[in-house]
Amino acid sequence: MKIVAACGAAITPLAVRQGASEIYTVGAGRSRRARAGAEAPIEVRVLYKGLTGYEAHQARISCALNKGGQVQALSAH
């Protein structure tokens, strides 16, 4: 869960800058250790509030962390 939390923390300011009102992140599979740290698939759901309700965007993201636990890369599948 540490990876999901770190990746969510990295995604949140990016989504908020685009007008997101709610951001949800959950693990979408097993994390795996890499030489430089760890990588895990996560599912991201972002809600944008519009004039007639909410618009949802959802994606599976691959998130890579270095050995210090800092997000190094985010890539969409």
Protein backbone atom coordinates (compact mmCIF):
# COMPACT_ATOMS: atom_id res chain seq x y z
CA MET A 1 0.00 0.00 0.00
CA LYS A 2 2.98 2.29 0.45
CA ILE A 3 3.46 2.38 -3.32
CA VAL A 4 -0.21 3.24 -3.95
CA ALA A 5 -0.07 6.07 -1.40
CA ALA A 6 3.14 7.51 -2.87
CA CYS A 7 1.78 7.32 -6.42
CA GLY A 8 -1.54 8.85 -5.38
CA ALA A 9 0.32 11.71 -3.70
CA ALA A 10 2.23 12.34 -6.94
CA ILE A 11 -0.88 12.21 -9.14
CA THR A 12 -3.13 14.40 -6.95
CA PRO A 13 -1.49 17.81 -7.58
CA LEU A 14 -1.36 17.10 -11.33
CA ALA A 15 -5.07 16.23 -11.43
CA VAL A 16 -6.09 19.14 -9.20
CA ARG A 17 -4.29 21.54 -11.57
CA GLN A 18 -6.55 20.18 -14.30
CA GLY A 19 -9.68 20.86 -12.24
CA ALA A 20 -10.20 17.50 -10.52
CA SER A 21 -12.43 17.52 -7.48
CA GLU A 22 -11.80 13.94 -6.27
CA ILE A 23 -8.99 11.45 -6.90
CA TYR A 24 -9.04 7.76 -5.94
CA THR A 25 -6.13 5.34 -6.28
CA VAL A 26 -6.04 1.60 -5.59
CA GLY A 27 -3.60 -1.19 -6.29
CA ALA A 28 -4.33 -3.07 -9.51
CA GLY A 29 -1.96 -6.00 -9.15
CA ARG A 30 1.22 -7.14 -7.52
CA SER A 31 4.12 -4.80 -7.09
CA ARG A 32 7.51 -6.02 -8.18
CA ARG A 33 10.97 -5.15 -7.06
CA ALA A 34 13.31 -3.64 -9.60
CA ARG A 35 16.99 -2.85 -9.41
CA ALA A 36 16.23 0.84 -8.96
CA GLY A 37 13.29 0.37 -6.54
CA ALA A 38 9.79 -0.96 -7.12
CA GLU A 39 7.03 -0.79 -9.71
CA ALA A 40 3.31 -1.41 -9.35
CA PRO A 41 0.15 -1.12 -11.43
CA ILE A 42 -2.47 1.16 -9.91
CA GLU A 43 -6.00 2.09 -10.91
CA VAL A 44 -6.72 5.83 -10.83
CA ARG A 45 -10.18 7.37 -10.92
CA VAL A 46 -10.49 11.15 -11.20
CA LEU A 47 -13.76 13.03 -10.85
CA TYR A 48 -14.30 16.45 -12.37
CA LYS A 49 -17.28 18.50 -11.26
CA GLY A 50 -19.19 19.96 -14.16
CA LEU A 51 -22.33 22.03 -14.61
CA THR A 52 -24.59 18.98 -14.78
CA GLY A 53 -22.79 16.65 -12.37
CA TYR A 54 -19.52 14.76 -12.29
CA GLU A 55 -17.42 13.45 -15.14
CA ALA A 56 -15.22 10.45 -14.30
CA HIS A 57 -11.94 9.50 -15.92
CA GLN A 58 -10.30 6.19 -15.09
CA ALA A 59 -6.98 4.67 -16.09
CA ARG A 60 -4.52 1.96 -15.17
CA ILE A 61 -1.14 3.51 -14.44
CA SER A 62 2.27 1.93 -13.94
CA CYS A 63 4.08 3.69 -11.11
CA ALA A 64 7.81 3.33 -10.48
CA LEU A 65 9.49 4.31 -7.22
CA ASN A 66 13.18 4.59 -6.42
CA LYS A 67 14.71 2.85 -3.40
CA GLY A 68 13.99 5.96 -1.31
CA GLY A 69 10.24 5.63 -2.01
CA GLN A 70 10.01 8.64 -4.33
CA VAL A 71 7.98 8.41 -7.52
CA GLN A 72 10.27 8.27 -10.55
CA ALA A 73 7.82 7.58 -13.36
CA LEU A 74 4.10 7.34 -14.11
CA SER A 75 2.93 5.80 -17.36
CA ALA A 76 -0.52 4.95 -18.67
CA HIS A 77 -1.24 1.47 -20.01
